[in-house]
Amino acid sequence: MKIADAVLALLDEGESQFPADRVAERAGVSRRLVFHHFADMAQLIETAIARRLEQLMEQIRPLPTEGPRAVRVDALTEQRARILEWITPAQLTTMRLEQR
């Protein structure tokens, strides 16, 4: 859903506040439509978090269990690096929020 994706995009950019007007603008919808789909901003944030977890699960691929150790280690390293690089911006923002 593009409204939840807008929240995630703002999070990835380092935003720690998600006012409805800003989310609506980012999603290309009206503020009213945000609250048509979500009872409140807490519900929207929960949906965005669930969406991010879905996206994370899409990043995980089965790793080889047979073959040369170097190939298996390379596959694991590549996958972990790709996932960590992808999730780092949101992680940093979340850490800043927790420090408040």
Protein backbone atom coordinates (compact mmCIF):
# COMPACT_ATOMS: atom_id res chain seq x y z
CA MET A 1 0.00 0.00 0.00
CA LYS A 2 1.45 3.32 -1.04
CA ILE A 3 0.49 5.16 2.17
CA ALA A 4 2.44 2.71 4.33
CA ASP A 5 5.26 2.79 1.78
CA ALA A 6 5.32 6.59 2.12
CA VAL A 7 5.91 6.23 5.87
CA LEU A 8 8.74 3.79 5.16
CA ALA A 9 10.28 6.13 2.60
CA LEU A 10 10.26 8.95 5.16
CA LEU A 11 11.80 6.62 7.74
CA ASP A 12 14.51 5.59 5.29
CA GLU A 13 15.30 9.27 4.73
CA GLY A 14 15.86 9.75 8.45
CA GLU A 15 12.52 11.28 9.38
CA SER A 16 11.37 10.53 12.90
CA GLN A 17 8.02 12.29 12.71
CA PHE A 18 5.24 11.17 10.40
CA PRO A 19 2.51 13.83 10.34
CA ALA A 20 -0.49 12.85 8.27
CA ASP A 21 -0.05 15.81 5.91
CA ARG A 22 3.52 14.84 5.11
CA VAL A 23 2.64 11.16 4.64
CA ALA A 24 -0.27 12.07 2.37
CA GLU A 25 1.90 14.37 0.28
CA ARG A 26 4.58 11.70 -0.05
CA ALA A 27 1.99 9.08 -1.04
CA GLY A 28 0.30 11.41 -3.50
CA VAL A 29 -3.05 11.21 -1.75
CA SER A 30 -5.18 13.53 0.36
CA ARG A 31 -4.90 13.68 4.14
CA ARG A 32 -8.49 12.56 4.29
CA LEU A 33 -7.66 9.39 2.36
CA VAL A 34 -4.98 8.52 4.91
CA PHE A 35 -7.64 8.46 7.63
CA HIS A 36 -10.09 6.70 5.36
CA HIS A 37 -7.73 3.71 5.30
CA PHE A 38 -6.37 3.99 8.86
CA ALA A 39 -8.17 4.79 12.10
CA ASP A 40 -5.19 6.76 13.37
CA MET A 41 -1.48 7.26 12.83
CA ALA A 42 -0.61 4.44 15.24
CA GLN A 43 -2.46 1.99 13.02
CA LEU A 44 -0.65 3.37 9.98
CA ILE A 45 2.73 2.96 11.70
CA GLU A 46 1.86 -0.63 12.66
CA THR A 47 0.92 -1.34 9.06
CA ALA A 48 4.16 0.23 7.83
CA ILE A 49 6.17 -1.93 10.23
CA ALA A 50 4.35 -5.05 9.02
CA ARG A 51 5.06 -3.97 5.44
CA ARG A 52 8.76 -3.53 6.23
CA LEU A 53 8.86 -7.04 7.73
CA GLU A 54 7.24 -8.40 4.56
CA GLN A 55 9.86 -6.59 2.49
CA LEU A 56 12.58 -8.03 4.69
CA MET A 57 11.27 -11.55 4.21
CA GLU A 58 11.32 -10.99 0.44
CA GLN A 59 15.06 -10.24 0.71
CA ILE A 60 15.84 -13.61 2.27
CA ARG A 61 16.67 -16.37 -0.18
CA PRO A 62 17.51 -19.98 0.52
CA LEU A 63 21.24 -20.40 0.91
CA PRO A 64 23.17 -23.29 -0.58
CA THR A 65 23.66 -26.15 1.85
CA GLU A 66 25.96 -28.16 -0.37
CA GLY A 67 29.03 -27.42 -2.41
CA PRO A 68 32.32 -25.76 -1.58
CA ARG A 69 32.46 -23.94 1.73
CA ALA A 70 33.73 -20.75 0.04
CA VAL A 71 30.66 -20.62 -2.23
CA ARG A 72 28.32 -21.12 0.73
CA VAL A 73 30.10 -18.46 2.81
CA ASP A 74 30.04 -16.02 -0.13
CA ALA A 75 26.28 -16.54 -0.57
CA LEU A 76 25.65 -15.95 3.13
CA THR A 77 27.90 -12.89 3.22
CA GLU A 78 26.31 -11.36 0.12
CA GLN A 79 22.79 -11.86 1.45
CA ARG A 80 23.55 -10.48 4.91
CA ALA A 81 25.41 -7.46 3.51
CA ARG A 82 22.58 -6.68 1.07
CA ILE A 83 19.94 -6.91 3.82
CA LEU A 84 21.93 -4.87 6.31
CA GLU A 85 22.66 -2.14 3.78
CA TRP A 86 18.98 -2.04 2.86
CA ILE A 87 17.71 -1.80 6.44
CA THR A 88 20.41 0.46 7.95
CA PRO A 89 18.73 3.86 7.31
CA ALA A 90 15.55 2.77 9.12
CA GLN A 91 17.62 1.16 11.88
CA LEU A 92 19.54 4.39 12.51
CA THR A 93 16.33 6.41 12.68
CA THR A 94 14.79 3.89 15.06
CA MET A 95 17.84 4.07 17.30
CA ARG A 96 17.55 7.87 17.41
CA LEU A 97 13.87 7.55 18.37
CA GLU A 98 14.71 5.12 21.18
CA GLN A 99 17.24 7.57 22.67
CA ARG A 100 14.56 10.20 23.23
